[in-house]
Amino acid sequence: MNAFKLFDEQMEKFNGMLAENGLVGDFCAEKYPIEVEVKRNAVAAGQMRMFDNESEQTIYRETRIVLTFPVGAVGVHFVGKIAISEKTLNKIKSQAKKLHDLYLQGLFATLKADEEQE
C-alpha cells in the first residue's frame, strides 16, 4: 500500500491548478513547520519577456506566497508584491491545507506500518 497515493494525486491537481494560473508550487516537509511555497512560473515569463532588465528579474524571482502549518494554525505570508485574485488565493489555501492533511495522514500510516513490522 502506498500511504502517499492520495497526497501524490492531490499534488498533481495542485500543480495543474497552479500551471493554469502561471504559477508553480513546492511542498516542503523537511523542516518544521511544513511549508507550501507558490511563485510565478519564471520559465514561462522569461520566454514571454526576453528583454527584461536584471533588477526586474531579481524582484520577480523573489515574489512568492508562503503558507506555513504550525500546530493549530495556518500562516499566509507574502514576500514581495504579487497580483493574484482572491478566488485563486482561496483555491491555493484550500488545496495546500488538503496537501498538508494528506501528507500527515500518509506519514502516520507509514510510521504505524513500520511499528507493526518490528
PDB file of N, CA and C in Angstrom:
ATOM      1  N   MET A   1       0.843  -1.194   0.000  1.00  0.00           N
ATOM      2  CA  MET A   1       0.000   0.000   0.000  1.00  0.00           C
ATOM      3  C   MET A   1       0.878   1.243   0.000  1.00  0.00           C
ATOM      4  N   ASN A   2       0.561   2.173  -0.867  1.00  0.00           N
ATOM      5  CA  ASN A   2       1.267   3.447  -0.910  1.00  0.00           C
ATOM      6  C   ASN A   2       0.501   4.444  -0.055  1.00  0.00           C
ATOM      7  N   ALA A   3       1.041   4.760   1.107  1.00  0.00           N
ATOM      8  CA  ALA A   3       0.368   5.658   2.048  1.00  0.00           C
ATOM      9  C   ALA A   3       0.280   7.085   1.514  1.00  0.00           C
ATOM     10  N   PHE A   4       1.077   7.403   0.501  1.00  0.00           N
ATOM     11  CA  PHE A   4       1.096   8.764  -0.034  1.00  0.00           C
ATOM     12  C   PHE A   4       0.400   8.879  -1.383  1.00  0.00           C
ATOM     13  N   LYS A   5      -0.378   7.863  -1.757  1.00  0.00           N
ATOM     14  CA  LYS A   5      -1.056   7.874  -3.054  1.00  0.00           C
ATOM     15  C   LYS A   5      -2.013   9.066  -3.168  1.00  0.00           C
ATOM     16  N   LEU A   6      -2.836   9.278  -2.159  1.00  0.00           N
ATOM     17  CA  LEU A   6      -3.782  10.401  -2.206  1.00  0.00           C
ATOM     18  C   LEU A   6      -3.050  11.742  -2.186  1.00  0.00           C
ATOM     19  N   PHE A   7      -1.951  11.809  -1.449  1.00  0.00           N
ATOM     20  CA  PHE A   7      -1.136  13.018  -1.430  1.00  0.00           C
ATOM     21  C   PHE A   7      -0.597  13.299  -2.831  1.00  0.00           C
ATOM     22  N   ASP A   8      -0.057  12.278  -3.483  1.00  0.00           N
ATOM     23  CA  ASP A   8       0.505  12.441  -4.827  1.00  0.00           C
ATOM     24  C   ASP A   8      -0.570  12.897  -5.823  1.00  0.00           C
ATOM     25  N   GLU A   9      -1.762  12.329  -5.718  1.00  0.00           N
ATOM     26  CA  GLU A   9      -2.863  12.722  -6.597  1.00  0.00           C
ATOM     27  C   GLU A   9      -3.257  14.178  -6.354  1.00  0.00           C
ATOM     28  N   GLN A  10      -3.331  14.573  -5.075  1.00  0.00           N
ATOM     29  CA  GLN A  10      -3.677  15.958  -4.748  1.00  0.00           C
ATOM     30  C   GLN A  10      -2.583  16.911  -5.229  1.00  0.00           C
ATOM     31  N   MET A  11      -1.326  16.498  -5.136  1.00  0.00           N
ATOM     32  CA  MET A  11      -0.219  17.332  -5.595  1.00  0.00           C
ATOM     33  C   MET A  11      -0.314  17.564  -7.098  1.00  0.00           C
ATOM     34  N   GLU A  12      -0.722  16.539  -7.854  1.00  0.00           N
ATOM     35  CA  GLU A  12      -0.920  16.701  -9.300  1.00  0.00           C
ATOM     36  C   GLU A  12      -2.021  17.716  -9.587  1.00  0.00           C
ATOM     37  N   LYS A  13      -3.135  17.625  -8.858  1.00  0.00           N
ATOM     38  CA  LYS A  13      -4.226  18.595  -9.023  1.00  0.00           C
ATOM     39  C   LYS A  13      -3.746  20.002  -8.690  1.00  0.00           C
ATOM     40  N   PHE A  14      -3.012  20.129  -7.591  1.00  0.00           N
ATOM     41  CA  PHE A  14      -2.490  21.414  -7.145  1.00  0.00           C
ATOM     42  C   PHE A  14      -1.574  22.015  -8.211  1.00  0.00           C
ATOM     43  N   ASN A  15      -0.649  21.217  -8.719  1.00  0.00           N
ATOM     44  CA  ASN A  15       0.271  21.702  -9.749  1.00  0.00           C
ATOM     45  C   ASN A  15      -0.467  22.088 -11.026  1.00  0.00           C
ATOM     46  N   GLY A  16      -1.507  21.350 -11.366  1.00  0.00           N
ATOM     47  CA  GLY A  16      -2.317  21.686 -12.538  1.00  0.00           C
ATOM     48  C   GLY A  16      -3.033  23.014 -12.372  1.00  0.00           C
ATOM     49  N   MET A  17      -3.621  23.233 -11.193  1.00  0.00           N
ATOM     50  CA  MET A  17      -4.302  24.488 -10.920  1.00  0.00           C
ATOM     51  C   MET A  17      -3.317  25.654 -10.961  1.00  0.00           C
ATOM     52  N   LEU A  18      -2.132  25.444 -10.392  1.00  0.00           N
ATOM     53  CA  LEU A  18      -1.117  26.499 -10.402  1.00  0.00           C
ATOM     54  C   LEU A  18      -0.678  26.806 -11.831  1.00  0.00           C
ATOM     55  N   ALA A  19      -0.445  25.776 -12.626  1.00  0.00           N
ATOM     56  CA  ALA A  19       0.003  25.967 -14.011  1.00  0.00           C
ATOM     57  C   ALA A  19      -1.019  26.768 -14.815  1.00  0.00           C
ATOM     58  N   GLU A  20      -2.308  26.513 -14.578  1.00  0.00           N
ATOM     59  CA  GLU A  20      -3.368  27.271 -15.266  1.00  0.00           C
ATOM     60  C   GLU A  20      -3.283  28.759 -14.960  1.00  0.00           C
ATOM     61  N   ASN A  21      -2.700  29.096 -13.814  1.00  0.00           N
ATOM     62  CA  ASN A  21      -2.604  30.489 -13.380  1.00  0.00           C
ATOM     63  C   ASN A  21      -1.189  31.053 -13.511  1.00  0.00           C
ATOM     64  N   GLY A  22      -0.312  30.343 -14.235  1.00  0.00           N
ATOM     65  CA  GLY A  22       1.053  30.824 -14.441  1.00  0.00           C
ATOM     66  C   GLY A  22       1.908  30.774 -13.194  1.00  0.00           C
ATOM     67  N   LEU A  23       1.607  29.801 -12.321  1.00  0.00           N
ATOM     68  CA  LEU A  23       2.315  29.674 -11.054  1.00  0.00           C
ATOM     69  C   LEU A  23       2.955  28.296 -10.930  1.00  0.00           C
ATOM     70  N   VAL A  24       3.898  28.167 -10.020  1.00  0.00           N
ATOM     71  CA  VAL A  24       4.483  26.878  -9.664  1.00  0.00           C
ATOM     72  C   VAL A  24       4.508  26.786  -8.144  1.00  0.00           C
ATOM     73  N   GLY A  25       4.511  25.557  -7.629  1.00  0.00           N
ATOM     74  CA  GLY A  25       4.484  25.375  -6.184  1.00  0.00           C
ATOM     75  C   GLY A  25       5.487  24.345  -5.718  1.00  0.00           C
ATOM     76  N   ASP A  26       5.744  24.401  -4.416  1.00  0.00           N
ATOM     77  CA  ASP A  26       6.670  23.469  -3.787  1.00  0.00           C
ATOM     78  C   ASP A  26       6.149  23.123  -2.401  1.00  0.00           C
ATOM     79  N   PHE A  27       6.110  21.845  -2.073  1.00  0.00           N
ATOM     80  CA  PHE A  27       5.695  21.359  -0.760  1.00  0.00           C
ATOM     81  C   PHE A  27       6.959  20.955  -0.014  1.00  0.00           C
ATOM     82  N   CYS A  28       7.228  21.573   1.115  1.00  0.00           N
ATOM     83  CA  CYS A  28       8.464  21.315   1.849  1.00  0.00           C
ATOM     84  C   CYS A  28       8.145  20.799   3.257  1.00  0.00           C
ATOM     85  N   ALA A  29       8.433  19.508   3.478  1.00  0.00           N
ATOM     86  CA  ALA A  29       8.193  18.892   4.785  1.00  0.00           C
ATOM     87  C   ALA A  29       9.501  18.516   5.469  1.00  0.00           C
ATOM     88  N   GLU A  30      10.616  19.036   4.981  1.00  0.00           N
ATOM     89  CA  GLU A  30      11.916  18.698   5.554  1.00  0.00           C
ATOM     90  C   GLU A  30      12.218  19.461   6.836  1.00  0.00           C
ATOM     91  N   LYS A  31      11.432  20.478   7.127  1.00  0.00           N
ATOM     92  CA  LYS A  31      11.639  21.261   8.349  1.00  0.00           C
ATOM     93  C   LYS A  31      10.280  21.581   8.951  1.00  0.00           C
ATOM     94  N   TYR A  32      10.313  22.109  10.168  1.00  0.00           N
ATOM     95  CA  TYR A  32       9.068  22.499  10.836  1.00  0.00           C
ATOM     96  C   TYR A  32       8.998  24.018  10.865  1.00  0.00           C
ATOM     97  N   PRO A  33       7.862  24.580  10.603  1.00  0.00           N
ATOM     98  CA  PRO A  33       6.617  23.953  10.148  1.00  0.00           C
ATOM     99  C   PRO A  33       6.671  23.626   8.657  1.00  0.00           C
ATOM    100  N   ILE A  34       5.798  22.714   8.270  1.00  0.00           N
ATOM    101  CA  ILE A  34       5.666  22.373   6.857  1.00  0.00           C
ATOM    102  C   ILE A  34       5.284  23.640   6.099  1.00  0.00           C
ATOM    103  N   GLU A  35       5.857  23.805   4.910  1.00  0.00           N
ATOM    104  CA  GLU A  35       5.582  24.989   4.098  1.00  0.00           C
ATOM    105  C   GLU A  35       5.115  24.598   2.699  1.00  0.00           C
ATOM    106  N   VAL A  36       4.233  25.414   2.162  1.00  0.00           N
ATOM    107  CA  VAL A  36       3.867  25.335   0.755  1.00  0.00           C
ATOM    108  C   VAL A  36       4.199  26.700   0.174  1.00  0.00           C
ATOM    109  N   GLU A  37       5.062  26.694  -0.836  1.00  0.00           N
ATOM    110  CA  GLU A  37       5.500  27.948  -1.452  1.00  0.00           C
ATOM    111  C   GLU A  37       4.956  28.016  -2.871  1.00  0.00           C
ATOM    112  N   VAL A  38       4.397  29.170  -3.222  1.00  0.00           N
ATOM    113  CA  VAL A  38       3.840  29.386  -4.552  1.00  0.00           C
ATOM    114  C   VAL A  38       4.476  30.640  -5.123  1.00  0.00           C
ATOM    115  N   LYS A  39       4.935  30.535  -6.360  1.00  0.00           N
ATOM    116  CA  LYS A  39       5.526  31.704  -7.020  1.00  0.00           C
ATOM    117  C   LYS A  39       5.183  31.673  -8.496  1.00  0.00           C
ATOM    118  N   ARG A  40       5.439  32.766  -9.153  1.00  0.00           N
ATOM    119  CA  ARG A  40       5.185  32.847 -10.594  1.00  0.00           C
ATOM    120  C   ARG A  40       6.112  31.888 -11.324  1.00  0.00           C
ATOM    121  N   ASN A  41       5.633  31.363 -12.425  1.00  0.00           N
ATOM    122  CA  ASN A  41       6.441  30.474 -13.244  1.00  0.00           C
ATOM    123  C   ASN A  41       7.431  31.328 -14.032  1.00  0.00           C
ATOM    124  N   ALA A  42       8.654  31.441 -13.535  1.00  0.00           N
ATOM    125  CA  ALA A  42       9.669  32.290 -14.145  1.00  0.00           C
ATOM    126  C   ALA A  42      10.078  31.797 -15.523  1.00  0.00           C
ATOM    127  N   VAL A  43       9.990  30.502 -15.780  1.00  0.00           N
ATOM    128  CA  VAL A  43      10.377  29.962 -17.085  1.00  0.00           C
ATOM    129  C   VAL A  43       9.431  30.503 -18.155  1.00  0.00           C
ATOM    130  N   ALA A  44       8.136  30.414 -17.908  1.00  0.00           N
ATOM    131  CA  ALA A  44       7.165  30.899 -18.886  1.00  0.00           C
ATOM    132  C   ALA A  44       7.283  32.410 -19.057  1.00  0.00           C
ATOM    133  N   ALA A  45       7.465  33.127 -17.970  1.00  0.00           N
ATOM    134  CA  ALA A  45       7.582  34.574 -18.046  1.00  0.00           C
ATOM    135  C   ALA A  45       8.847  34.979 -18.788  1.00  0.00           C
ATOM    136  N   GLY A  46       9.915  34.234 -18.575  1.00  0.00           N
ATOM    137  CA  GLY A  46      11.173  34.534 -19.240  1.00  0.00           C
ATOM    138  C   GLY A  46      11.073  34.365 -20.739  1.00  0.00           C
ATOM    139  N   GLN A  47      10.278  33.396 -21.183  1.00  0.00           N
ATOM    140  CA  GLN A  47      10.103  33.192 -22.603  1.00  0.00           C
ATOM    141  C   GLN A  47       9.274  34.306 -23.219  1.00  0.00           C
ATOM    142  N   MET A  48       8.328  34.825 -22.474  1.00  0.00           N
ATOM    143  CA  MET A  48       7.451  35.869 -22.989  1.00  0.00           C
ATOM    144  C   MET A  48       8.118  37.237 -22.954  1.00  0.00           C
ATOM    145  N   ARG A  49       9.021  37.457 -21.983  1.00  0.00           N
ATOM    146  CA  ARG A  49       9.633  38.767 -21.809  1.00  0.00           C
ATOM    147  C   ARG A  49      11.157  38.616 -21.875  1.00  0.00           C
ATOM    148  N   MET A  50      11.671  38.532 -23.087  1.00  0.00           N
ATOM    149  CA  MET A  50      13.085  38.233 -23.257  1.00  0.00           C
ATOM    150  C   MET A  50      14.002  39.385 -22.902  1.00  0.00           C
ATOM    151  N   PHE A  51      13.503  40.614 -22.907  1.00  0.00           N
ATOM    152  CA  PHE A  51      14.382  41.761 -22.722  1.00  0.00           C
ATOM    153  C   PHE A  51      14.179  42.470 -21.396  1.00  0.00           C
ATOM    154  N   ASP A  52      13.795  41.755 -20.361  1.00  0.00           N
ATOM    155  CA  ASP A  52      13.674  42.335 -19.021  1.00  0.00           C
ATOM    156  C   ASP A  52      15.041  42.761 -18.527  1.00  0.00           C
ATOM    157  N   ASN A  53      15.044  43.796 -17.659  1.00  0.00           N
ATOM    158  CA  ASN A  53      16.337  44.132 -17.072  1.00  0.00           C
ATOM    159  C   ASN A  53      16.577  43.262 -15.841  1.00  0.00           C
ATOM    160  N   GLU A  54      17.815  43.204 -15.398  1.00  0.00           N
ATOM    161  CA  GLU A  54      18.221  42.278 -14.341  1.00  0.00           C
ATOM    162  C   GLU A  54      17.506  42.536 -13.018  1.00  0.00           C
ATOM    163  N   SER A  55      17.295  43.796 -12.651  1.00  0.00           N
ATOM    164  CA  SER A  55      16.651  44.081 -11.361  1.00  0.00           C
ATOM    165  C   SER A  55      15.208  43.608 -11.351  1.00  0.00           C
ATOM    166  N   GLU A  56      14.505  43.740 -12.468  1.00  0.00           N
ATOM    167  CA  GLU A  56      13.132  43.243 -12.535  1.00  0.00           C
ATOM    168  C   GLU A  56      13.106  41.731 -12.396  1.00  0.00           C
ATOM    169  N   GLN A  57      14.046  41.032 -12.987  1.00  0.00           N
ATOM    170  CA  GLN A  57      14.096  39.579 -12.879  1.00  0.00           C
ATOM    171  C   GLN A  57      14.356  39.156 -11.446  1.00  0.00           C
ATOM    172  N   THR A  58      15.208  39.865 -10.727  1.00  0.00           N
ATOM    173  CA  THR A  58      15.505  39.541  -9.332  1.00  0.00           C
ATOM    174  C   THR A  58      14.259  39.712  -8.480  1.00  0.00           C
ATOM    175  N   ILE A  59      13.552  40.814  -8.645  1.00  0.00           N
ATOM    176  CA  ILE A  59      12.321  41.055  -7.885  1.00  0.00           C
ATOM    177  C   ILE A  59      11.296  39.981  -8.217  1.00  0.00           C
ATOM    178  N   TYR A  60      11.180  39.648  -9.489  1.00  0.00           N
ATOM    179  CA  TYR A  60      10.215  38.669  -9.949  1.00  0.00           C
ATOM    180  C   TYR A  60      10.470  37.305  -9.310  1.00  0.00           C
ATOM    181  N   ARG A  61      11.728  36.886  -9.237  1.00  0.00           N
ATOM    182  CA  ARG A  61      12.071  35.593  -8.658  1.00  0.00           C
ATOM    183  C   ARG A  61      11.793  35.545  -7.167  1.00  0.00           C
ATOM    184  N   GLU A  62      11.909  36.659  -6.483  1.00  0.00           N
ATOM    185  CA  GLU A  62      11.737  36.680  -5.032  1.00  0.00           C
ATOM    186  C   GLU A  62      10.281  36.792  -4.605  1.00  0.00           C
ATOM    187  N   THR A  63       9.390  37.111  -5.509  1.00  0.00           N
ATOM    188  CA  THR A  63       7.980  37.265  -5.198  1.00  0.00           C
ATOM    189  C   THR A  63       7.338  35.901  -5.009  1.00  0.00           C
ATOM    190  N   ARG A  64       6.695  35.710  -3.842  1.00  0.00           N
ATOM    191  CA  ARG A  64       6.073  34.406  -3.583  1.00  0.00           C
ATOM    192  C   ARG A  64       5.062  34.499  -2.440  1.00  0.00           C
ATOM    193  N   ILE A  65       4.261  33.452  -2.346  1.00  0.00           N
ATOM    194  CA  ILE A  65       3.331  33.263  -1.240  1.00  0.00           C
ATOM    195  C   ILE A  65       3.824  32.035  -0.485  1.00  0.00           C
ATOM    196  N   VAL A  66       3.950  32.151   0.827  1.00  0.00           N
ATOM    197  CA  VAL A  66       4.397  31.026   1.640  1.00  0.00           C
ATOM    198  C   VAL A  66       3.308  30.712   2.663  1.00  0.00           C
ATOM    199  N   LEU A  67       2.794  29.487   2.609  1.00  0.00           N
ATOM    200  CA  LEU A  67       1.826  29.030   3.598  1.00  0.00           C
ATOM    201  C   LEU A  67       2.560  28.122   4.568  1.00  0.00           C
ATOM    202  N   THR A  68       2.408  28.380   5.861  1.00  0.00           N
ATOM    203  CA  THR A  68       3.049  27.558   6.883  1.00  0.00           C
ATOM    204  C   THR A  68       1.977  26.896   7.736  1.00  0.00           C
ATOM    205  N   PHE A  69       2.332  25.755   8.309  1.00  0.00           N
ATOM    206  CA  PHE A  69       1.375  24.963   9.079  1.00  0.00           C
ATOM    207  C   PHE A  69       1.926  24.616  10.458  1.00  0.00           C
ATOM    208  N   PRO A  70       2.107  25.628  11.338  1.00  0.00           N
ATOM    209  CA  PRO A  70       2.478  25.306  12.716  1.00  0.00           C
ATOM    210  C   PRO A  70       1.280  24.671  13.425  1.00  0.00           C
ATOM    211  N   VAL A  71       1.481  24.088  14.579  1.00  0.00           N
ATOM    212  CA  VAL A  71       0.408  23.413  15.305  1.00  0.00           C
ATOM    213  C   VAL A  71      -0.736  24.392  15.568  1.00  0.00           C
ATOM    214  N   GLY A  72      -1.933  24.018  15.136  1.00  0.00           N
ATOM    215  CA  GLY A  72      -3.131  24.783  15.428  1.00  0.00           C
ATOM    216  C   GLY A  72      -3.325  26.047  14.626  1.00  0.00           C
ATOM    217  N   ALA A  73      -2.558  26.251  13.557  1.00  0.00           N
ATOM    218  CA  ALA A  73      -2.696  27.486  12.789  1.00  0.00           C
ATOM    219  C   ALA A  73      -2.289  27.264  11.339  1.00  0.00           C
ATOM    220  N   VAL A  74      -2.646  28.222  10.510  1.00  0.00           N
ATOM    221  CA  VAL A  74      -2.187  28.280   9.135  1.00  0.00           C
ATOM    222  C   VAL A  74      -1.718  29.703   8.903  1.00  0.00           C
ATOM    223  N   GLY A  75      -0.468  29.846   8.515  1.00  0.00           N
ATOM    224  CA  GLY A  75       0.063  31.179   8.244  1.00  0.00           C
ATOM    225  C   GLY A  75       0.162  31.414   6.751  1.00  0.00           C
ATOM    226  N   VAL A  76      -0.187  32.616   6.334  1.00  0.00           N
ATOM    227  CA  VAL A  76      -0.060  33.004   4.938  1.00  0.00           C
ATOM    228  C   VAL A  76       0.819  34.243   4.903  1.00  0.00           C
ATOM    229  N   HIS A  77       1.956  34.124   4.218  1.00  0.00           N
ATOM    230  CA  HIS A  77       2.920  35.216   4.157  1.00  0.00           C
ATOM    231  C   HIS A  77       3.183  35.569   2.701  1.00  0.00           C
ATOM    232  N   PHE A  78       3.190  36.856   2.401  1.00  0.00           N
ATOM    233  CA  PHE A  78       3.502  37.332   1.062  1.00  0.00           C
ATOM    234  C   PHE A  78       4.903  37.926   1.089  1.00  0.00           C
ATOM    235  N   VAL A  79       5.737  37.499   0.171  1.00  0.00           N
ATOM    236  CA  VAL A  79       7.079  38.033   0.033  1.00  0.00           C
ATOM    237  C   VAL A  79       7.107  38.780  -1.292  1.00  0.00           C
ATOM    238  N   GLY A  80       7.298  40.074  -1.241  1.00  0.00           N
ATOM    239  CA  GLY A  80       7.238  40.894  -2.442  1.00  0.00           C
ATOM    240  C   GLY A  80       5.796  41.171  -2.817  1.00  0.00           C
ATOM    241  N   LYS A  81       5.624  41.752  -3.979  1.00  0.00           N
ATOM    242  CA  LYS A  81       4.286  42.086  -4.474  1.00  0.00           C
ATOM    243  C   LYS A  81       3.867  41.055  -5.505  1.00  0.00           C
ATOM    244  N   ILE A  82       2.697  40.501  -5.295  1.00  0.00           N
ATOM    245  CA  ILE A  82       2.154  39.526  -6.249  1.00  0.00           C
ATOM    246  C   ILE A  82       0.677  39.837  -6.449  1.00  0.00           C
ATOM    247  N   ALA A  83       0.283  39.983  -7.692  1.00  0.00           N
ATOM    248  CA  ALA A  83      -1.116  40.254  -8.019  1.00  0.00           C
ATOM    249  C   ALA A  83      -1.804  38.919  -8.275  1.00  0.00           C
ATOM    250  N   ILE A  84      -2.767  38.607  -7.422  1.00  0.00           N
ATOM    251  CA  ILE A  84      -3.475  37.336  -7.543  1.00  0.00           C
ATOM    252  C   ILE A  84      -4.915  37.562  -7.094  1.00  0.00           C
ATOM    253  N   SER A  85      -5.848  36.943  -7.767  1.00  0.00           N
ATOM    254  CA  SER A  85      -7.250  37.131  -7.413  1.00  0.00           C
ATOM    255  C   SER A  85      -7.558  36.440  -6.080  1.00  0.00           C
ATOM    256  N   GLU A  86      -8.554  36.935  -5.416  1.00  0.00           N
ATOM    257  CA  GLU A  86      -8.987  36.339  -4.142  1.00  0.00           C
ATOM    258  C   GLU A  86      -9.436  34.897  -4.352  1.00  0.00           C
ATOM    259  N   LYS A  87     -10.097  34.638  -5.469  1.00  0.00           N
ATOM    260  CA  LYS A  87     -10.566  33.290  -5.791  1.00  0.00           C
ATOM    261  C   LYS A  87      -9.387  32.326  -5.929  1.00  0.00           C
ATOM    262  N   THR A  88      -8.350  32.742  -6.647  1.00  0.00           N
ATOM    263  CA  THR A  88      -7.169  31.897  -6.826  1.00  0.00           C
ATOM    264  C   THR A  88      -6.447  31.686  -5.510  1.00  0.00           C
ATOM    265  N   LEU A  89      -6.326  32.747  -4.712  1.00  0.00           N
ATOM    266  CA  LEU A  89      -5.676  32.628  -3.408  1.00  0.00           C
ATOM    267  C   LEU A  89      -6.436  31.649  -2.521  1.00  0.00           C
ATOM    268  N   ASN A  90      -7.760  31.708  -2.529  1.00  0.00           N
ATOM    269  CA  ASN A  90      -8.557  30.772  -1.731  1.00  0.00           C
ATOM    270  C   ASN A  90      -8.378  29.332  -2.203  1.00  0.00           C
ATOM    271  N   LYS A  91      -8.269  29.130  -3.527  1.00  0.00           N
ATOM    272  CA  LYS A  91      -8.011  27.787  -4.056  1.00  0.00           C
ATOM    273  C   LYS A  91      -6.646  27.284  -3.588  1.00  0.00           C
ATOM    274  N   ILE A  92      -5.649  28.164  -3.625  1.00  0.00           N
ATOM    275  CA  ILE A  92      -4.303  27.785  -3.188  1.00  0.00           C
ATOM    276  C   ILE A  92      -4.324  27.379  -1.726  1.00  0.00           C
ATOM    277  N   LYS A  93      -4.966  28.185  -0.884  1.00  0.00           N
ATOM    278  CA  LYS A  93      -5.026  27.881   0.550  1.00  0.00           C
ATOM    279  C   LYS A  93      -5.767  26.576   0.805  1.00  0.00           C
ATOM    280  N   SER A  94      -6.893  26.377   0.129  1.00  0.00           N
ATOM    281  CA  SER A  94      -7.689  25.174   0.316  1.00  0.00           C
ATOM    282  C   SER A  94      -6.911  23.927  -0.090  1.00  0.00           C
ATOM    283  N   GLN A  95      -6.274  23.973  -1.248  1.00  0.00           N
ATOM    284  CA  GLN A  95      -5.539  22.804  -1.714  1.00  0.00           C
ATOM    285  C   GLN A  95      -4.271  22.569  -0.884  1.00  0.00           C
ATOM    286  N   ALA A  96      -3.646  23.635  -0.411  1.00  0.00           N
ATOM    287  CA  ALA A  96      -2.458  23.478   0.443  1.00  0.00           C
ATOM    288  C   ALA A  96      -2.838  22.803   1.758  1.00  0.00           C
ATOM    289  N   LYS A  97      -3.984  23.159   2.315  1.00  0.00           N
ATOM    290  CA  LYS A  97      -4.454  22.511   3.548  1.00  0.00           C
ATOM    291  C   LYS A  97      -4.706  21.023   3.308  1.00  0.00           C
ATOM    292  N   LYS A  98      -5.295  20.690   2.161  1.00  0.00           N
ATOM    293  CA  LYS A  98      -5.525  19.277   1.824  1.00  0.00           C
ATOM    294  C   LYS A  98      -4.201  18.537   1.703  1.00  0.00           C
ATOM    295  N   LEU A  99      -3.224  19.170   1.033  1.00  0.00           N
ATOM    296  CA  LEU A  99      -1.902  18.547   0.902  1.00  0.00           C
ATOM    297  C   LEU A  99      -1.284  18.285   2.267  1.00  0.00           C
ATOM    298  N   HIS A 100      -1.376  19.266   3.139  1.00  0.00           N
ATOM    299  CA  HIS A 100      -0.822  19.141   4.492  1.00  0.00           C
ATOM    300  C   HIS A 100      -1.466  17.974   5.223  1.00  0.00           C
ATOM    301  N   ASP A 101      -2.794  17.920   5.199  1.00  0.00           N
ATOM    302  CA  ASP A 101      -3.518  16.845   5.883  1.00  0.00           C
ATOM    303  C   ASP A 101      -3.169  15.472   5.301  1.00  0.00           C
ATOM    304  N   LEU A 102      -3.151  15.364   3.979  1.00  0.00           N
ATOM    305  CA  LEU A 102      -2.845  14.086   3.348  1.00  0.00           C
ATOM    306  C   LEU A 102      -1.409  13.653   3.607  1.00  0.00           C
ATOM    307  N   TYR A 103      -0.495  14.608   3.669  1.00  0.00           N
ATOM    308  CA  TYR A 103       0.894  14.268   3.984  1.00  0.00           C
ATOM    309  C   TYR A 103       0.993  13.705   5.400  1.00  0.00           C
ATOM    310  N   LEU A 104       0.353  14.376   6.353  1.00  0.00           N
ATOM    311  CA  LEU A 104       0.403  13.896   7.740  1.00  0.00           C
ATOM    312  C   LEU A 104      -0.257  12.525   7.882  1.00  0.00           C
ATOM    313  N   GLN A 105      -1.350  12.306   7.179  1.00  0.00           N
ATOM    314  CA  GLN A 105      -2.005  11.001   7.223  1.00  0.00           C
ATOM    315  C   GLN A 105      -1.102   9.924   6.638  1.00  0.00           C
ATOM    316  N   GLY A 106      -0.446  10.214   5.528  1.00  0.00           N
ATOM    317  CA  GLY A 106       0.474   9.263   4.924  1.00  0.00           C
ATOM    318  C   GLY A 106       1.663   8.973   5.823  1.00  0.00           C
ATOM    319  N   LEU A 107       2.183  10.015   6.461  1.00  0.00           N
ATOM    320  CA  LEU A 107       3.304   9.846   7.384  1.00  0.00           C
ATOM    321  C   LEU A 107       2.902   8.985   8.572  1.00  0.00           C
ATOM    322  N   PHE A 108       1.735   9.243   9.135  1.00  0.00           N
ATOM    323  CA  PHE A 108       1.252   8.478  10.279  1.00  0.00           C
ATOM    324  C   PHE A 108       1.052   7.005   9.893  1.00  0.00           C
ATOM    325  N   ALA A 109       0.449   6.786   8.722  1.00  0.00           N
ATOM    326  CA  ALA A 109       0.224   5.412   8.256  1.00  0.00           C
ATOM    327  C   ALA A 109       1.551   4.679   8.063  1.00  0.00           C
ATOM    328  N   THR A 110       2.539   5.368   7.531  1.00  0.00           N
ATOM    329  CA  THR A 110       3.859   4.771   7.327  1.00  0.00           C
ATOM    330  C   THR A 110       4.513   4.431   8.666  1.00  0.00           C
ATOM    331  N   LEU A 111       4.439   5.348   9.617  1.00  0.00           N
ATOM    332  CA  LEU A 111       5.023   5.107  10.945  1.00  0.00           C
ATOM    333  C   LEU A 111       4.357   3.918  11.634  1.00  0.00           C
ATOM    334  N   LYS A 112       3.054   3.831  11.563  1.00  0.00           N
ATOM    335  CA  LYS A 112       2.323   2.727  12.169  1.00  0.00           C
ATOM    336  C   LYS A 112       2.654   1.398  11.498  1.00  0.00           C
ATOM    337  N   ALA A 113       2.757   1.409  10.183  1.00  0.00           N
ATOM    338  CA  ALA A 113       3.099   0.186   9.460  1.00  0.00           C
ATOM    339  C   ALA A 113       4.506  -0.272   9.830  1.00  0.00           C
ATOM    340  N   ASP A 114       5.423   0.666  10.003  1.00  0.00           N
ATOM    341  CA  ASP A 114       6.792   0.314  10.418  1.00  0.00           C
ATOM    342  C   ASP A 114       6.815  -0.273  11.829  1.00  0.00           C
ATOM    343  N   GLU A 115       5.986   0.283  12.732  1.00  0.00           N
ATOM    344  CA  GLU A 115       5.895  -0.239  14.109  1.00  0.00           C
ATOM    345  C   GLU A 115       5.395  -1.680  14.107  1.00  0.00           C
ATOM    346  N   GLU A 116       4.412  -1.970  13.271  1.00  0.00           N
ATOM    347  CA  GLU A 116       3.823  -3.310  13.219  1.00  0.00           C
ATOM    348  C   GLU A 116       4.815  -4.339  12.665  1.00  0.00           C
ATOM    349  N   GLN A 117       5.725  -3.898  11.827  1.00  0.00           N
ATOM    350  CA  GLN A 117       6.715  -4.815  11.264  1.00  0.00           C
ATOM    351  C   GLN A 117       7.832  -5.145  12.228  1.00  0.00           C
ATOM    352  N   GLU A 118       8.019  -4.333  13.246  1.00  0.00           N
ATOM    353  CA  GLU A 118       9.110  -4.572  14.211  1.00  0.00           C
ATOM    354  C   GLU A 118       8.800  -5.666  15.172  1.00  0.00           C
TER     355      GLU A 118
END
